[in-house]
All heavy atoms as atom14 arrays in JSON, in Angstrom:
{
  "sequence": "RLTRQMQRQERDLMIALETHALFIRFWLGQTPPLPAEAQAAANA",
  "atom14_mask": [
    [1, 1, 1, 1, 1, 1, 1, 1, 1, 1, 1, 0, 0, 0],
    [1, 1, 1, 1, 1, 1, 1, 1, 0, 0, 0, 0, 0, 0],
    [1, 1, 1, 1, 1, 1, 1, 0, 0, 0, 0, 0, 0, 0],
    [1, 1, 1, 1, 1, 1, 1, 1, 1, 1, 1, 0, 0, 0],
    [1, 1, 1, 1, 1, 1, 1, 1, 1, 0, 0, 0, 0, 0],
    [1, 1, 1, 1, 1, 1, 1, 1, 0, 0, 0, 0, 0, 0],
    [1, 1, 1, 1, 1, 1, 1, 1, 1, 0, 0, 0, 0, 0],
    [1, 1, 1, 1, 1, 1, 1, 1, 1, 1, 1, 0, 0, 0],
    [1, 1, 1, 1, 1, 1, 1, 1, 1, 0, 0, 0, 0, 0],
    [1, 1, 1, 1, 1, 1, 1, 1, 1, 0, 0, 0, 0, 0],
    [1, 1, 1, 1, 1, 1, 1, 1, 1, 1, 1, 0, 0, 0],
    [1, 1, 1, 1, 1, 1, 1, 1, 0, 0, 0, 0, 0, 0],
    [1, 1, 1, 1, 1, 1, 1, 1, 0, 0, 0, 0, 0, 0],
    [1, 1, 1, 1, 1, 1, 1, 1, 0, 0, 0, 0, 0, 0],
    [1, 1, 1, 1, 1, 1, 1, 1, 0, 0, 0, 0, 0, 0],
    [1, 1, 1, 1, 1, 0, 0, 0, 0, 0, 0, 0, 0, 0],
    [1, 1, 1, 1, 1, 1, 1, 1, 0, 0, 0, 0, 0, 0],
    [1, 1, 1, 1, 1, 1, 1, 1, 1, 0, 0, 0, 0, 0],
    [1, 1, 1, 1, 1, 1, 1, 0, 0, 0, 0, 0, 0, 0],
    [1, 1, 1, 1, 1, 1, 1, 1, 1, 1, 0, 0, 0, 0],
    [1, 1, 1, 1, 1, 0, 0, 0, 0, 0, 0, 0, 0, 0],
    [1, 1, 1, 1, 1, 1, 1, 1, 0, 0, 0, 0, 0, 0],
    [1, 1, 1, 1, 1, 1, 1, 1, 1, 1, 1, 0, 0, 0],
    [1, 1, 1, 1, 1, 1, 1, 1, 0, 0, 0, 0, 0, 0],
    [1, 1, 1, 1, 1, 1, 1, 1, 1, 1, 1, 0, 0, 0],
    [1, 1, 1, 1, 1, 1, 1, 1, 1, 1, 1, 0, 0, 0],
    [1, 1, 1, 1, 1, 1, 1, 1, 1, 1, 1, 1, 1, 1],
    [1, 1, 1, 1, 1, 1, 1, 1, 0, 0, 0, 0, 0, 0],
    [1, 1, 1, 1, 0, 0, 0, 0, 0, 0, 0, 0, 0, 0],
    [1, 1, 1, 1, 1, 1, 1, 1, 1, 0, 0, 0, 0, 0],
    [1, 1, 1, 1, 1, 1, 1, 0, 0, 0, 0, 0, 0, 0],
    [1, 1, 1, 1, 1, 1, 1, 0, 0, 0, 0, 0, 0, 0],
    [1, 1, 1, 1, 1, 1, 1, 0, 0, 0, 0, 0, 0, 0],
    [1, 1, 1, 1, 1, 1, 1, 1, 0, 0, 0, 0, 0, 0],
    [1, 1, 1, 1, 1, 1, 1, 0, 0, 0, 0, 0, 0, 0],
    [1, 1, 1, 1, 1, 0, 0, 0, 0, 0, 0, 0, 0, 0],
    [1, 1, 1, 1, 1, 1, 1, 1, 1, 0, 0, 0, 0, 0],
    [1, 1, 1, 1, 1, 0, 0, 0, 0, 0, 0, 0, 0, 0],
    [1, 1, 1, 1, 1, 1, 1, 1, 1, 0, 0, 0, 0, 0],
    [1, 1, 1, 1, 1, 0, 0, 0, 0, 0, 0, 0, 0, 0],
    [1, 1, 1, 1, 1, 0, 0, 0, 0, 0, 0, 0, 0, 0],
    [1, 1, 1, 1, 1, 0, 0, 0, 0, 0, 0, 0, 0, 0],
    [1, 1, 1, 1, 1, 1, 1, 1, 0, 0, 0, 0, 0, 0],
    [1, 1, 1, 1, 1, 0, 0, 0, 0, 0, 0, 0, 0, 0]
  ],
  "atom14_positions": [
    [[85.79, 99.51, 77.04], [85.46, 100.54, 78.03], [84.71, 99.94, 79.21], [85.01, 100.23, 80.37], [84.63, 101.66, 77.37], [84.44, 102.85, 78.29], [83.6, 103.95, 77.66], [82.22, 103.52, 77.59], [81.49, 103.45, 76.47], [82.02, 103.81, 75.32], [80.25, 103.04, 76.49], [0.0, 0.0, 0.0], [0.0, 0.0, 0.0], [0.0, 0.0, 0.0]],
    [[83.74, 99.07, 78.93], [83.0, 98.41, 80.01], [83.91, 97.53, 80.86], [83.76, 97.46, 82.08], [81.84, 97.58, 79.43], [80.68, 98.38, 78.86], [79.69, 97.46, 78.15], [79.99, 99.16, 79.96], [0.0, 0.0, 0.0], [0.0, 0.0, 0.0], [0.0, 0.0, 0.0], [0.0, 0.0, 0.0], [0.0, 0.0, 0.0], [0.0, 0.0, 0.0]],
    [[84.86, 96.86, 80.22], [85.8, 96.03, 80.96], [86.63, 96.88, 81.91], [86.8, 96.53, 83.08], [86.72, 95.27, 79.99], [85.92, 94.42, 79.17], [87.74, 94.44, 80.73], [0.0, 0.0, 0.0], [0.0, 0.0, 0.0], [0.0, 0.0, 0.0], [0.0, 0.0, 0.0], [0.0, 0.0, 0.0], [0.0, 0.0, 0.0], [0.0, 0.0, 0.0]],
    [[87.1, 98.03, 81.44], [87.88, 98.92, 82.3], [87.02, 99.44, 83.46], [87.48, 99.53, 84.59], [88.47, 100.08, 81.5], [89.63, 99.67, 80.6], [90.32, 100.87, 79.98], [89.44, 101.74, 79.23], [89.12, 101.6, 77.94], [89.63, 100.6, 77.25], [88.32, 102.45, 77.34], [0.0, 0.0, 0.0], [0.0, 0.0, 0.0], [0.0, 0.0, 0.0]],
    [[85.76, 99.78, 83.17], [84.87, 100.25, 84.22], [84.64, 99.16, 85.27], [84.67, 99.44, 86.48], [83.53, 100.7, 83.64], [83.6, 102.0, 82.88], [82.29, 102.31, 82.17], [81.42, 101.47, 82.02], [82.16, 103.56, 81.72], [0.0, 0.0, 0.0], [0.0, 0.0, 0.0], [0.0, 0.0, 0.0], [0.0, 0.0, 0.0], [0.0, 0.0, 0.0]],
    [[84.43, 97.94, 84.82], [84.22, 96.83, 85.76], [85.48, 96.58, 86.59], [85.39, 96.27, 87.78], [83.82, 95.56, 85.01], [82.42, 95.59, 84.43], [81.16, 95.71, 85.71], [81.36, 94.15, 86.52], [0.0, 0.0, 0.0], [0.0, 0.0, 0.0], [0.0, 0.0, 0.0], [0.0, 0.0, 0.0], [0.0, 0.0, 0.0], [0.0, 0.0, 0.0]],
    [[86.64, 96.7, 85.97], [87.89, 96.52, 86.72], [88.04, 97.59, 87.8], [88.47, 97.3, 88.92], [89.09, 96.53, 85.78], [89.2, 95.29, 84.93], [90.25, 95.41, 83.83], [90.64, 96.5, 83.44], [90.68, 94.26, 83.33], [0.0, 0.0, 0.0], [0.0, 0.0, 0.0], [0.0, 0.0, 0.0], [0.0, 0.0, 0.0], [0.0, 0.0, 0.0]],
    [[87.67, 98.84, 87.46], [87.73, 99.91, 88.47], [86.73, 99.65, 89.59], [87.05, 99.84, 90.77], [87.45, 101.27, 87.83], [88.65, 101.84, 87.1], [88.45, 103.3, 86.71], [87.27, 103.54, 85.92], [87.22, 103.52, 84.59], [88.32, 103.28, 83.9], [86.1, 103.75, 83.94], [0.0, 0.0, 0.0], [0.0, 0.0, 0.0], [0.0, 0.0, 0.0]],
    [[85.53, 99.19, 89.25], [84.54, 98.89, 90.27], [85.0, 97.74, 91.17], [84.82, 97.79, 92.39], [83.19, 98.56, 89.64], [82.5, 99.77, 89.07], [81.18, 99.42, 88.42], [80.85, 98.27, 88.21], [80.4, 100.44, 88.1], [0.0, 0.0, 0.0], [0.0, 0.0, 0.0], [0.0, 0.0, 0.0], [0.0, 0.0, 0.0], [0.0, 0.0, 0.0]],
    [[85.59, 96.73, 90.57], [86.1, 95.61, 91.35], [87.2, 96.09, 92.29], [87.24, 95.71, 93.47], [86.63, 94.53, 90.41], [87.14, 93.3, 91.12], [87.65, 92.24, 90.14], [87.55, 92.44, 88.91], [88.17, 91.23, 90.62], [0.0, 0.0, 0.0], [0.0, 0.0, 0.0], [0.0, 0.0, 0.0], [0.0, 0.0, 0.0], [0.0, 0.0, 0.0]],
    [[88.09, 96.93, 91.8], [89.16, 97.49, 92.63], [88.58, 98.32, 93.76], [89.0, 98.18, 94.92], [90.08, 98.34, 91.76], [91.15, 99.08, 92.53], [91.92, 100.05, 91.63], [92.74, 100.91, 92.41], [92.34, 102.07, 92.93], [91.12, 102.5, 92.73], [93.16, 102.8, 93.65], [0.0, 0.0, 0.0], [0.0, 0.0, 0.0], [0.0, 0.0, 0.0]],
    [[87.61, 99.17, 93.46], [87.0, 100.02, 94.48], [86.3, 99.17, 95.55], [86.39, 99.47, 96.75], [85.99, 100.99, 93.86], [86.66, 102.02, 92.97], [87.91, 102.13, 93.0], [85.93, 102.72, 92.24], [0.0, 0.0, 0.0], [0.0, 0.0, 0.0], [0.0, 0.0, 0.0], [0.0, 0.0, 0.0], [0.0, 0.0, 0.0], [0.0, 0.0, 0.0]],
    [[85.61, 98.12, 95.13], [84.94, 97.24, 96.08], [85.95, 96.53, 96.96], [85.76, 96.41, 98.18], [84.06, 96.22, 95.34], [83.29, 95.24, 96.22], [82.36, 95.98, 97.18], [82.51, 94.27, 95.36], [0.0, 0.0, 0.0], [0.0, 0.0, 0.0], [0.0, 0.0, 0.0], [0.0, 0.0, 0.0], [0.0, 0.0, 0.0], [0.0, 0.0, 0.0]],
    [[87.05, 96.07, 96.37], [88.1, 95.4, 97.15], [88.68, 96.36, 98.18], [88.86, 95.99, 99.34], [89.2, 94.9, 96.2], [90.29, 94.09, 96.88], [91.73, 95.01, 97.51], [92.24, 95.99, 96.15], [0.0, 0.0, 0.0], [0.0, 0.0, 0.0], [0.0, 0.0, 0.0], [0.0, 0.0, 0.0], [0.0, 0.0, 0.0], [0.0, 0.0, 0.0]],
    [[88.9, 97.61, 97.79], [89.43, 98.6, 98.73], [88.43, 98.83, 99.87], [88.81, 98.87, 101.04], [89.75, 99.93, 98.01], [90.96, 99.75, 97.1], [89.99, 101.07, 99.0], [91.18, 100.91, 96.15], [0.0, 0.0, 0.0], [0.0, 0.0, 0.0], [0.0, 0.0, 0.0], [0.0, 0.0, 0.0], [0.0, 0.0, 0.0], [0.0, 0.0, 0.0]],
    [[87.16, 98.97, 99.53], [86.14, 99.21, 100.55], [86.04, 98.03, 101.52], [85.95, 98.22, 102.74], [84.79, 99.48, 99.89], [0.0, 0.0, 0.0], [0.0, 0.0, 0.0], [0.0, 0.0, 0.0], [0.0, 0.0, 0.0], [0.0, 0.0, 0.0], [0.0, 0.0, 0.0], [0.0, 0.0, 0.0], [0.0, 0.0, 0.0], [0.0, 0.0, 0.0]],
    [[86.05, 96.82, 100.99], [85.95, 95.65, 101.85], [87.16, 95.51, 102.76], [87.03, 95.21, 103.96], [85.78, 94.38, 101.01], [84.43, 94.23, 100.31], [84.46, 93.04, 99.36], [83.32, 94.09, 101.32], [0.0, 0.0, 0.0], [0.0, 0.0, 0.0], [0.0, 0.0, 0.0], [0.0, 0.0, 0.0], [0.0, 0.0, 0.0], [0.0, 0.0, 0.0]],
    [[88.35, 95.71, 102.21], [89.57, 95.61, 103.02], [89.61, 96.71, 104.08], [89.99, 96.46, 105.22], [90.81, 95.69, 102.14], [91.09, 94.42, 101.37], [91.34, 93.22, 102.29], [92.1, 93.36, 103.27], [90.77, 92.17, 102.01], [0.0, 0.0, 0.0], [0.0, 0.0, 0.0], [0.0, 0.0, 0.0], [0.0, 0.0, 0.0], [0.0, 0.0, 0.0]],
    [[89.21, 97.92, 103.71], [89.18, 99.02, 104.66], [88.22, 98.71, 105.8], [88.55, 98.89, 106.98], [88.77, 100.33, 103.95], [89.69, 100.59, 102.89], [88.75, 101.5, 104.91], [0.0, 0.0, 0.0], [0.0, 0.0, 0.0], [0.0, 0.0, 0.0], [0.0, 0.0, 0.0], [0.0, 0.0, 0.0], [0.0, 0.0, 0.0], [0.0, 0.0, 0.0]],
    [[87.06, 98.24, 105.46], [86.04, 97.89, 106.46], [86.55, 96.77, 107.37], [86.42, 96.84, 108.6], [84.75, 97.5, 105.75], [83.57, 97.43, 106.63], [82.62, 96.46, 106.5], [83.19, 98.18, 107.69], [81.7, 96.63, 107.43], [82.01, 97.67, 108.16], [0.0, 0.0, 0.0], [0.0, 0.0, 0.0], [0.0, 0.0, 0.0], [0.0, 0.0, 0.0]],
    [[87.13, 95.74, 106.78], [87.63, 94.62, 107.57], [88.75, 95.06, 108.52], [88.77, 94.66, 109.69], [88.12, 93.51, 106.64], [0.0, 0.0, 0.0], [0.0, 0.0, 0.0], [0.0, 0.0, 0.0], [0.0, 0.0, 0.0], [0.0, 0.0, 0.0], [0.0, 0.0, 0.0], [0.0, 0.0, 0.0], [0.0, 0.0, 0.0], [0.0, 0.0, 0.0]],
    [[89.67, 95.89, 108.03], [90.76, 96.38, 108.88], [90.23, 97.24, 110.02], [90.7, 97.14, 111.16], [91.78, 97.17, 108.06], [92.69, 96.34, 107.17], [93.52, 97.25, 106.28], [93.58, 95.44, 108.01], [0.0, 0.0, 0.0], [0.0, 0.0, 0.0], [0.0, 0.0, 0.0], [0.0, 0.0, 0.0], [0.0, 0.0, 0.0], [0.0, 0.0, 0.0]],
    [[89.24, 98.08, 109.72], [88.65, 98.91, 110.77], [88.0, 98.05, 111.83], [88.2, 98.27, 113.04], [87.64, 99.9, 110.18], [86.89, 100.64, 111.24], [87.5, 101.7, 111.91], [85.61, 100.27, 111.61], [86.82, 102.38, 112.91], [84.94, 100.94, 112.61], [85.54, 102.0, 113.27], [0.0, 0.0, 0.0], [0.0, 0.0, 0.0], [0.0, 0.0, 0.0]],
    [[87.22, 97.07, 111.42], [86.54, 96.21, 112.39], [87.56, 95.44, 113.23], [87.44, 95.36, 114.45], [85.57, 95.24, 111.67], [84.39, 96.03, 111.11], [85.09, 94.15, 112.62], [83.49, 95.22, 110.2], [0.0, 0.0, 0.0], [0.0, 0.0, 0.0], [0.0, 0.0, 0.0], [0.0, 0.0, 0.0], [0.0, 0.0, 0.0], [0.0, 0.0, 0.0]],
    [[88.57, 94.88, 112.59], [89.6, 94.15, 113.32], [90.29, 95.06, 114.33], [90.5, 94.69, 115.5], [90.63, 93.57, 112.35], [91.69, 92.72, 113.03], [92.66, 92.12, 112.04], [91.95, 91.23, 111.13], [92.24, 91.11, 109.84], [93.23, 91.79, 109.32], [91.57, 90.29, 109.07], [0.0, 0.0, 0.0], [0.0, 0.0, 0.0], [0.0, 0.0, 0.0]],
    [[90.65, 96.26, 113.92], [91.3, 97.21, 114.81], [90.37, 97.61, 115.95], [90.76, 97.62, 117.12], [91.74, 98.45, 114.02], [92.37, 99.51, 114.86], [93.65, 99.36, 115.35], [91.67, 100.65, 115.19], [94.23, 100.34, 116.14], [92.24, 101.63, 115.97], [93.52, 101.47, 116.45], [0.0, 0.0, 0.0], [0.0, 0.0, 0.0], [0.0, 0.0, 0.0]],
    [[89.12, 97.93, 115.62], [88.16, 98.38, 116.63], [87.91, 97.28, 117.66], [87.91, 97.54, 118.87], [86.85, 98.79, 115.95], [85.85, 99.34, 116.9], [85.81, 100.6, 117.43], [84.73, 98.65, 117.44], [84.74, 100.73, 118.26], [84.05, 99.54, 118.29], [84.24, 97.36, 117.29], [82.91, 99.19, 118.99], [83.1, 97.0, 117.98], [82.44, 97.91, 118.83]],
    [[87.71, 96.07, 117.19], [87.46, 94.97, 118.12], [88.68, 94.69, 118.99], [88.54, 94.32, 120.16], [87.05, 93.7, 117.36], [85.67, 93.73, 116.72], [85.46, 92.46, 115.9], [84.58, 93.87, 117.76], [0.0, 0.0, 0.0], [0.0, 0.0, 0.0], [0.0, 0.0, 0.0], [0.0, 0.0, 0.0], [0.0, 0.0, 0.0], [0.0, 0.0, 0.0]],
    [[89.85, 94.86, 118.45], [91.07, 94.6, 119.22], [91.4, 95.69, 120.21], [92.1, 95.45, 121.19], [0.0, 0.0, 0.0], [0.0, 0.0, 0.0], [0.0, 0.0, 0.0], [0.0, 0.0, 0.0], [0.0, 0.0, 0.0], [0.0, 0.0, 0.0], [0.0, 0.0, 0.0], [0.0, 0.0, 0.0], [0.0, 0.0, 0.0], [0.0, 0.0, 0.0]],
    [[90.94, 96.91, 119.99], [91.33, 98.04, 120.83], [90.24, 98.51, 121.79], [90.53, 99.27, 122.7], [91.73, 99.23, 119.95], [92.92, 98.95, 119.06], [94.18, 98.69, 119.85], [94.43, 99.33, 120.86], [94.97, 97.71, 119.42], [0.0, 0.0, 0.0], [0.0, 0.0, 0.0], [0.0, 0.0, 0.0], [0.0, 0.0, 0.0], [0.0, 0.0, 0.0]],
    [[88.99, 98.1, 121.58], [87.89, 98.61, 122.39], [87.58, 97.65, 123.53], [87.14, 96.52, 123.29], [86.63, 98.8, 121.52], [86.97, 99.63, 120.41], [85.52, 99.45, 122.31], [0.0, 0.0, 0.0], [0.0, 0.0, 0.0], [0.0, 0.0, 0.0], [0.0, 0.0, 0.0], [0.0, 0.0, 0.0], [0.0, 0.0, 0.0], [0.0, 0.0, 0.0]],
    [[87.8, 98.1, 124.77], [87.47, 97.22, 125.9], [85.95, 97.19, 126.13], [85.25, 98.14, 125.81], [88.19, 97.88, 127.08], [88.29, 99.32, 126.7], [88.39, 99.35, 125.2], [0.0, 0.0, 0.0], [0.0, 0.0, 0.0], [0.0, 0.0, 0.0], [0.0, 0.0, 0.0], [0.0, 0.0, 0.0], [0.0, 0.0, 0.0], [0.0, 0.0, 0.0]],
    [[85.44, 96.11, 126.7], [84.0, 96.07, 127.0], [83.66, 97.1, 128.08], [84.47, 97.4, 128.95], [83.76, 94.65, 127.48], [85.1, 94.06, 127.73], [86.12, 94.89, 127.04], [0.0, 0.0, 0.0], [0.0, 0.0, 0.0], [0.0, 0.0, 0.0], [0.0, 0.0, 0.0], [0.0, 0.0, 0.0], [0.0, 0.0, 0.0], [0.0, 0.0, 0.0]],
    [[82.47, 97.67, 127.99], [82.04, 98.7, 128.94], [81.27, 98.05, 130.09], [80.52, 97.09, 129.88], [81.12, 99.71, 128.25], [81.76, 100.59, 127.2], [80.69, 101.45, 126.52], [82.81, 101.49, 127.8], [0.0, 0.0, 0.0], [0.0, 0.0, 0.0], [0.0, 0.0, 0.0], [0.0, 0.0, 0.0], [0.0, 0.0, 0.0], [0.0, 0.0, 0.0]],
    [[81.41, 98.63, 131.26], [80.57, 98.17, 132.36], [79.11, 98.58, 132.09], [78.85, 99.53, 131.35], [81.13, 98.88, 133.6], [82.05, 99.93, 133.09], [82.38, 99.62, 131.67], [0.0, 0.0, 0.0], [0.0, 0.0, 0.0], [0.0, 0.0, 0.0], [0.0, 0.0, 0.0], [0.0, 0.0, 0.0], [0.0, 0.0, 0.0], [0.0, 0.0, 0.0]],
    [[78.18, 97.87, 132.66], [76.75, 98.09, 132.4], [76.33, 99.52, 132.7], [75.51, 100.1, 131.97], [75.91, 97.1, 133.21], [0.0, 0.0, 0.0], [0.0, 0.0, 0.0], [0.0, 0.0, 0.0], [0.0, 0.0, 0.0], [0.0, 0.0, 0.0], [0.0, 0.0, 0.0], [0.0, 0.0, 0.0], [0.0, 0.0, 0.0], [0.0, 0.0, 0.0]],
    [[76.88, 100.13, 133.78], [76.44, 101.49, 134.15], [76.94, 102.55, 133.18], [76.39, 103.64, 133.11], [76.89, 101.84, 135.59], [78.38, 101.81, 135.82], [78.91, 100.43, 136.2], [78.14, 99.46, 136.25], [80.11, 100.34, 136.42], [0.0, 0.0, 0.0], [0.0, 0.0, 0.0], [0.0, 0.0, 0.0], [0.0, 0.0, 0.0], [0.0, 0.0, 0.0]],
    [[77.96, 102.27, 132.35], [78.51, 103.25, 131.4], [77.92, 103.09, 130.01], [78.17, 103.92, 129.13], [80.01, 103.12, 131.34], [0.0, 0.0, 0.0], [0.0, 0.0, 0.0], [0.0, 0.0, 0.0], [0.0, 0.0, 0.0], [0.0, 0.0, 0.0], [0.0, 0.0, 0.0], [0.0, 0.0, 0.0], [0.0, 0.0, 0.0], [0.0, 0.0, 0.0]],
    [[77.11, 102.08, 129.78], [76.61, 101.82, 128.42], [75.64, 102.89, 127.93], [75.65, 103.24, 126.76], [75.99, 100.43, 128.35], [77.05, 99.35, 128.38], [76.49, 97.97, 128.08], [75.3, 97.83, 127.83], [77.37, 96.99, 128.11], [0.0, 0.0, 0.0], [0.0, 0.0, 0.0], [0.0, 0.0, 0.0], [0.0, 0.0, 0.0], [0.0, 0.0, 0.0]],
    [[74.81, 103.44, 128.79], [73.86, 104.48, 128.36], [74.61, 105.72, 127.87], [74.29, 106.29, 126.82], [72.9, 104.83, 129.49], [0.0, 0.0, 0.0], [0.0, 0.0, 0.0], [0.0, 0.0, 0.0], [0.0, 0.0, 0.0], [0.0, 0.0, 0.0], [0.0, 0.0, 0.0], [0.0, 0.0, 0.0], [0.0, 0.0, 0.0], [0.0, 0.0, 0.0]],
    [[75.62, 106.16, 128.63], [76.4, 107.34, 128.24], [77.17, 107.05, 126.95], [77.26, 107.91, 126.06], [77.36, 107.73, 129.35], [0.0, 0.0, 0.0], [0.0, 0.0, 0.0], [0.0, 0.0, 0.0], [0.0, 0.0, 0.0], [0.0, 0.0, 0.0], [0.0, 0.0, 0.0], [0.0, 0.0, 0.0], [0.0, 0.0, 0.0], [0.0, 0.0, 0.0]],
    [[77.73, 105.85, 126.84], [78.47, 105.49, 125.63], [77.53, 105.44, 124.42], [77.91, 105.83, 123.32], [79.14, 104.13, 125.82], [0.0, 0.0, 0.0], [0.0, 0.0, 0.0], [0.0, 0.0, 0.0], [0.0, 0.0, 0.0], [0.0, 0.0, 0.0], [0.0, 0.0, 0.0], [0.0, 0.0, 0.0], [0.0, 0.0, 0.0], [0.0, 0.0, 0.0]],
    [[76.31, 104.98, 124.61], [75.33, 104.93, 123.52], [75.0, 106.35, 123.03], [74.95, 106.61, 121.83], [74.08, 104.2, 123.99], [73.22, 103.74, 122.84], [73.6, 103.85, 121.7], [72.06, 103.22, 123.16], [0.0, 0.0, 0.0], [0.0, 0.0, 0.0], [0.0, 0.0, 0.0], [0.0, 0.0, 0.0], [0.0, 0.0, 0.0], [0.0, 0.0, 0.0]],
    [[74.79, 107.27, 123.97], [74.5, 108.66, 123.59], [75.68, 109.28, 122.85], [75.5, 109.96, 121.83], [74.16, 109.47, 124.84], [0.0, 0.0, 0.0], [0.0, 0.0, 0.0], [0.0, 0.0, 0.0], [0.0, 0.0, 0.0], [0.0, 0.0, 0.0], [0.0, 0.0, 0.0], [0.0, 0.0, 0.0], [0.0, 0.0, 0.0], [0.0, 0.0, 0.0]]
  ]
}
């Protein structure tokens, strides 16, 4: 039972890491840099 639980946790962690990595890769590839005057509004 513990082995099955660890396998599920390992699978869940792998999914979370891959999801996070894909999101970051996509976000970095699609988001253009902001001009300095627009950064305050973008931050809000």
